[in-house]
Amino acid sequence: MSSKNFQHYKRMQDRFNLPHLNELKERFKFDIEENEKIFDQIRNEISERLFTFTEKIIEPVIAGSDSYSCIFEQEMLTEKDRQKLFDIYKKIQVLKWENSLLMLQPDEKKAAVWVKKTWELWNSEIEGELSKTCRKLSNSWKDLRFKTEHSNYND
């Protein structure tokens, strides 16, 4: 990354109390391209990962899917678990539509605020709840057993 991009981020970081760039890069696993606008790039990288979690983890579990695994996974979570996921889902949807608006009407200051808001939500709620859900589903799959009842269909 050019020192110009880094210095620009540093100024905005100080102004908006943003996380350190290295923290963002490590948490969301991305690199900064030389010729791109830094805040658009950061926002795009974060939103891509965040919205992937929504599509791959939250939506199938709370809304159902045609997949075989989804039938089981919906039963592995309690109503309270699904409600927590739905509450997070709503917050992510707000971020999604704010992100869409920033794509339509780019604004660096609003993008910086979006990055900060997303970072805080990720650290305060999203990461912990999604990690808990992933562990619970993983353990549930590990412990899943079919009942061995004999049927009398052919008698």
C-alpha atoms as a PDB file:
ATOM      1  CA  MET A   1       0.000   0.000   0.000  1.00  0.00           C
ATOM      2  CA  SER A   2       1.304   3.430  -0.826  1.00  0.00           C
ATOM      3  CA  SER A   3       2.291   5.743   1.982  1.00  0.00           C
ATOM      4  CA  LYS A   4      -0.202   8.258   0.571  1.00  0.00           C
ATOM      5  CA  ASN A   5      -3.092   5.803   1.117  1.00  0.00           C
ATOM      6  CA  PHE A   6      -1.763   4.888   4.541  1.00  0.00           C
ATOM      7  CA  GLN A   7      -1.415   8.534   5.604  1.00  0.00           C
ATOM      8  CA  HIS A   8      -4.901   9.289   4.345  1.00  0.00           C
ATOM      9  CA  TYR A   9      -6.327   6.386   6.355  1.00  0.00           C
ATOM     10  CA  LYS A  10      -4.341   7.495   9.405  1.00  0.00           C
ATOM     11  CA  ARG A  11      -5.862  10.989   9.220  1.00  0.00           C
ATOM     12  CA  MET A  12      -9.371   9.566   8.901  1.00  0.00           C
ATOM     13  CA  GLN A  13      -8.620   7.059  11.660  1.00  0.00           C
ATOM     14  CA  ASP A  14      -7.769   9.866  14.046  1.00  0.00           C
ATOM     15  CA  ARG A  15     -10.751  11.944  12.964  1.00  0.00           C
ATOM     16  CA  PHE A  16     -13.377   9.160  13.214  1.00  0.00           C
ATOM     17  CA  ASN A  17     -11.747   6.973  15.872  1.00  0.00           C
ATOM     18  CA  LEU A  18     -11.409   4.091  13.407  1.00  0.00           C
ATOM     19  CA  PRO A  19      -9.665   0.793  14.165  1.00  0.00           C
ATOM     20  CA  HIS A  20      -6.047   0.362  13.129  1.00  0.00           C
ATOM     21  CA  LEU A  21      -5.745  -0.658   9.505  1.00  0.00           C
ATOM     22  CA  ASN A  22      -3.757  -3.775  10.431  1.00  0.00           C
ATOM     23  CA  GLU A  23      -6.566  -4.871  12.771  1.00  0.00           C
ATOM     24  CA  LEU A  24      -9.079  -4.590   9.943  1.00  0.00           C
ATOM     25  CA  LYS A  25      -6.796  -6.403   7.504  1.00  0.00           C
ATOM     26  CA  GLU A  26      -6.125  -9.236   9.951  1.00  0.00           C
ATOM     27  CA  ARG A  27      -9.722  -9.649  11.093  1.00  0.00           C
ATOM     28  CA  PHE A  28     -11.295  -9.575   7.633  1.00  0.00           C
ATOM     29  CA  LYS A  29      -8.329 -11.057   5.726  1.00  0.00           C
ATOM     30  CA  PHE A  30      -7.702  -8.560   2.962  1.00  0.00           C
ATOM     31  CA  ASP A  31      -4.921  -6.494   1.415  1.00  0.00           C
ATOM     32  CA  ILE A  32      -5.038  -2.965   0.100  1.00  0.00           C
ATOM     33  CA  GLU A  33      -4.481  -2.453  -3.622  1.00  0.00           C
ATOM     34  CA  GLU A  34      -2.275   0.429  -4.677  1.00  0.00           C
ATOM     35  CA  ASN A  35      -4.557   2.266  -7.079  1.00  0.00           C
ATOM     36  CA  GLU A  36      -7.881   1.959  -5.305  1.00  0.00           C
ATOM     37  CA  LYS A  37      -9.662   4.399  -3.041  1.00  0.00           C
ATOM     38  CA  ILE A  38      -8.835   3.095   0.386  1.00  0.00           C
ATOM     39  CA  PHE A  39     -12.226   3.460   2.074  1.00  0.00           C
ATOM     40  CA  ASP A  40     -14.115   1.961  -0.845  1.00  0.00           C
ATOM     41  CA  GLN A  41     -11.695  -0.929  -0.811  1.00  0.00           C
ATOM     42  CA  ILE A  42     -11.963  -1.496   2.951  1.00  0.00           C
ATOM     43  CA  ARG A  43     -15.752  -1.234   2.840  1.00  0.00           C
ATOM     44  CA  ASN A  44     -15.967  -3.643  -0.096  1.00  0.00           C
ATOM     45  CA  GLU A  45     -13.705  -6.215   1.562  1.00  0.00           C
ATOM     46  CA  ILE A  46     -15.527  -6.083   4.893  1.00  0.00           C
ATOM     47  CA  SER A  47     -18.984  -6.143   3.324  1.00  0.00           C
ATOM     48  CA  GLU A  48     -18.097  -9.110   1.115  1.00  0.00           C
ATOM     49  CA  ARG A  49     -17.099 -11.204   4.114  1.00  0.00           C
ATOM     50  CA  LEU A  50     -19.913  -9.990   6.326  1.00  0.00           C
ATOM     51  CA  PHE A  51     -22.630 -10.610   3.753  1.00  0.00           C
ATOM     52  CA  THR A  52     -21.179 -14.049   2.965  1.00  0.00           C
ATOM     53  CA  PHE A  53     -21.740 -14.986   6.614  1.00  0.00           C
ATOM     54  CA  THR A  54     -25.312 -13.795   6.286  1.00  0.00           C
ATOM     55  CA  GLU A  55     -25.961 -15.910   3.201  1.00  0.00           C
ATOM     56  CA  LYS A  56     -24.073 -19.023   4.318  1.00  0.00           C
ATOM     57  CA  ILE A  57     -24.824 -19.176   8.041  1.00  0.00           C
ATOM     58  CA  ILE A  58     -27.687 -17.003   9.189  1.00  0.00           C
ATOM     59  CA  GLU A  59     -30.240 -17.128   6.356  1.00  0.00           C
ATOM     60  CA  PRO A  60     -30.322 -20.930   5.952  1.00  0.00           C
ATOM     61  CA  VAL A  61     -30.750 -21.451   9.684  1.00  0.00           C
ATOM     62  CA  ILE A  62     -33.420 -18.829  10.345  1.00  0.00           C
ATOM     63  CA  ALA A  63     -35.313 -18.982   7.064  1.00  0.00           C
ATOM     64  CA  GLY A  64     -34.733 -22.487   5.838  1.00  0.00           C
ATOM     65  CA  SER A  65     -33.291 -23.747   2.640  1.00  0.00           C
ATOM     66  CA  ASP A  66     -33.758 -26.580   0.214  1.00  0.00           C
ATOM     67  CA  SER A  67     -30.610 -28.233   1.515  1.00  0.00           C
ATOM     68  CA  TYR A  68     -30.747 -31.474   3.431  1.00  0.00           C
ATOM     69  CA  SER A  69     -28.455 -30.123   6.147  1.00  0.00           C
ATOM     70  CA  CYS A  70     -30.765 -27.198   6.799  1.00  0.00           C
ATOM     71  CA  ILE A  71     -33.567 -29.501   7.894  1.00  0.00           C
ATOM     72  CA  PHE A  72     -31.378 -30.781  10.708  1.00  0.00           C
ATOM     73  CA  GLU A  73     -29.669 -27.507  11.572  1.00  0.00           C
ATOM     74  CA  GLN A  74     -32.923 -25.687  12.174  1.00  0.00           C
ATOM     75  CA  GLU A  75     -33.757 -28.313  14.791  1.00  0.00           C
ATOM     76  CA  MET A  76     -30.310 -28.059  16.375  1.00  0.00           C
ATOM     77  CA  LEU A  77     -30.927 -24.472  17.463  1.00  0.00           C
ATOM     78  CA  THR A  78     -33.458 -23.320  19.996  1.00  0.00           C
ATOM     79  CA  GLU A  79     -36.023 -20.626  19.322  1.00  0.00           C
ATOM     80  CA  LYS A  80     -33.898 -18.312  21.488  1.00  0.00           C
ATOM     81  CA  ASP A  81     -30.807 -19.086  19.341  1.00  0.00           C
ATOM     82  CA  ARG A  82     -32.732 -18.353  16.155  1.00  0.00           C
ATOM     83  CA  GLN A  83     -34.075 -15.094  17.618  1.00  0.00           C
ATOM     84  CA  LYS A  84     -30.535 -13.942  18.479  1.00  0.00           C
ATOM     85  CA  LEU A  85     -29.440 -14.757  14.944  1.00  0.00           C
ATOM     86  CA  PHE A  86     -32.411 -12.878  13.529  1.00  0.00           C
ATOM     87  CA  ASP A  87     -31.579  -9.824  15.656  1.00  0.00           C
ATOM     88  CA  ILE A  88     -28.038  -9.877  14.255  1.00  0.00           C
ATOM     89  CA  TYR A  89     -29.419 -10.483  10.776  1.00  0.00           C
ATOM     90  CA  LYS A  90     -31.498  -7.302  11.002  1.00  0.00           C
ATOM     91  CA  LYS A  91     -28.424  -5.278  11.991  1.00  0.00           C
ATOM     92  CA  ILE A  92     -26.418  -6.761   9.137  1.00  0.00           C
ATOM     93  CA  GLN A  93     -29.236  -5.928   6.715  1.00  0.00           C
ATOM     94  CA  VAL A  94     -29.059  -2.296   7.856  1.00  0.00           C
ATOM     95  CA  LEU A  95     -25.322  -2.350   7.086  1.00  0.00           C
ATOM     96  CA  LYS A  96     -25.999  -4.018   3.747  1.00  0.00           C
ATOM     97  CA  TRP A  97     -28.393  -1.304   2.608  1.00  0.00           C
ATOM     98  CA  GLU A  98     -26.164   1.475   3.936  1.00  0.00           C
ATOM     99  CA  ASN A  99     -23.333  -0.135   1.962  1.00  0.00           C
ATOM    100  CA  SER A 100     -25.512  -0.230  -1.157  1.00  0.00           C
ATOM    101  CA  LEU A 101     -26.274   3.453  -0.748  1.00  0.00           C
ATOM    102  CA  LEU A 102     -22.544   4.188  -0.448  1.00  0.00           C
ATOM    103  CA  MET A 103     -21.954   2.331  -3.706  1.00  0.00           C
ATOM    104  CA  LEU A 104     -24.604   4.472  -5.388  1.00  0.00           C
ATOM    105  CA  GLN A 105     -23.585   7.712  -3.701  1.00  0.00           C
ATOM    106  CA  PRO A 106     -19.924   7.470  -2.653  1.00  0.00           C
ATOM    107  CA  ASP A 107     -19.022   9.576   0.354  1.00  0.00           C
ATOM    108  CA  GLU A 108     -15.713   9.004   2.084  1.00  0.00           C
ATOM    109  CA  LYS A 109     -16.808  10.371   5.457  1.00  0.00           C
ATOM    110  CA  LYS A 110     -19.935   8.211   5.480  1.00  0.00           C
ATOM    111  CA  ALA A 111     -17.829   5.235   4.393  1.00  0.00           C
ATOM    112  CA  ALA A 112     -15.488   5.853   7.339  1.00  0.00           C
ATOM    113  CA  VAL A 113     -18.470   5.965   9.701  1.00  0.00           C
ATOM    114  CA  TRP A 114     -19.773   2.727   8.123  1.00  0.00           C
ATOM    115  CA  VAL A 115     -16.402   1.014   8.676  1.00  0.00           C
ATOM    116  CA  LYS A 116     -16.358   2.088  12.317  1.00  0.00           C
ATOM    117  CA  LYS A 117     -19.970   1.039  12.911  1.00  0.00           C
ATOM    118  CA  THR A 118     -19.381  -2.343  11.270  1.00  0.00           C
ATOM    119  CA  TRP A 119     -16.159  -2.913  13.211  1.00  0.00           C
ATOM    120  CA  GLU A 120     -17.885  -2.169  16.513  1.00  0.00           C
ATOM    121  CA  LEU A 121     -20.862  -4.397  15.703  1.00  0.00           C
ATOM    122  CA  TRP A 122     -18.562  -7.200  14.561  1.00  0.00           C
ATOM    123  CA  ASN A 123     -16.564  -7.083  17.795  1.00  0.00           C
ATOM    124  CA  SER A 124     -19.486  -6.558  20.158  1.00  0.00           C
ATOM    125  CA  GLU A 125     -21.999  -9.036  18.718  1.00  0.00           C
ATOM    126  CA  ILE A 126     -21.523 -10.644  15.347  1.00  0.00           C
ATOM    127  CA  GLU A 127     -18.268 -12.558  15.753  1.00  0.00           C
ATOM    128  CA  GLY A 128     -19.185 -13.959  19.159  1.00  0.00           C
ATOM    129  CA  GLU A 129     -22.706 -15.012  18.232  1.00  0.00           C
ATOM    130  CA  LEU A 130     -21.692 -16.546  14.890  1.00  0.00           C
ATOM    131  CA  SER A 131     -18.807 -18.391  16.571  1.00  0.00           C
ATOM    132  CA  LYS A 132     -21.195 -19.728  19.200  1.00  0.00           C
ATOM    133  CA  THR A 133     -23.639 -20.835  16.497  1.00  0.00           C
ATOM    134  CA  CYS A 134     -20.904 -22.525  14.459  1.00  0.00           C
ATOM    135  CA  ARG A 135     -19.631 -24.403  17.537  1.00  0.00           C
ATOM    136  CA  LYS A 136     -23.146 -25.460  18.489  1.00  0.00           C
ATOM    137  CA  LEU A 137     -23.942 -26.731  14.988  1.00  0.00           C
ATOM    138  CA  SER A 138     -20.587 -28.494  14.697  1.00  0.00           C
ATOM    139  CA  ASN A 139     -21.091 -30.244  18.039  1.00  0.00           C
ATOM    140  CA  SER A 140     -24.686 -31.085  17.165  1.00  0.00           C
ATOM    141  CA  TRP A 141     -23.585 -32.722  13.919  1.00  0.00           C
ATOM    142  CA  LYS A 142     -20.926 -34.638  15.814  1.00  0.00           C
ATOM    143  CA  ASP A 143     -23.514 -35.918  18.293  1.00  0.00           C
ATOM    144  CA  LEU A 144     -26.332 -36.521  15.786  1.00  0.00           C
ATOM    145  CA  ARG A 145     -27.680 -40.066  15.896  1.00  0.00           C
ATOM    146  CA  PHE A 146     -30.650 -41.598  14.168  1.00  0.00           C
ATOM    147  CA  LYS A 147     -33.050 -43.590  16.263  1.00  0.00           C
ATOM    148  CA  THR A 148     -32.913 -47.275  15.608  1.00  0.00           C
ATOM    149  CA  GLU A 149     -36.552 -48.176  15.576  1.00  0.00           C
ATOM    150  CA  HIS A 150     -37.696 -51.150  13.604  1.00  0.00           C
ATOM    151  CA  SER A 151     -40.671 -50.689  11.393  1.00  0.00           C
ATOM    152  CA  ASN A 152     -43.255 -53.300  10.625  1.00  0.00           C
ATOM    153  CA  TYR A 153     -43.835 -52.265   7.029  1.00  0.00           C
ATOM    154  CA  ASN A 154     -43.135 -55.691   5.577  1.00  0.00           C
ATOM    155  CA  ASP A 155     -44.903 -57.816   8.149  1.00  0.00           C
END
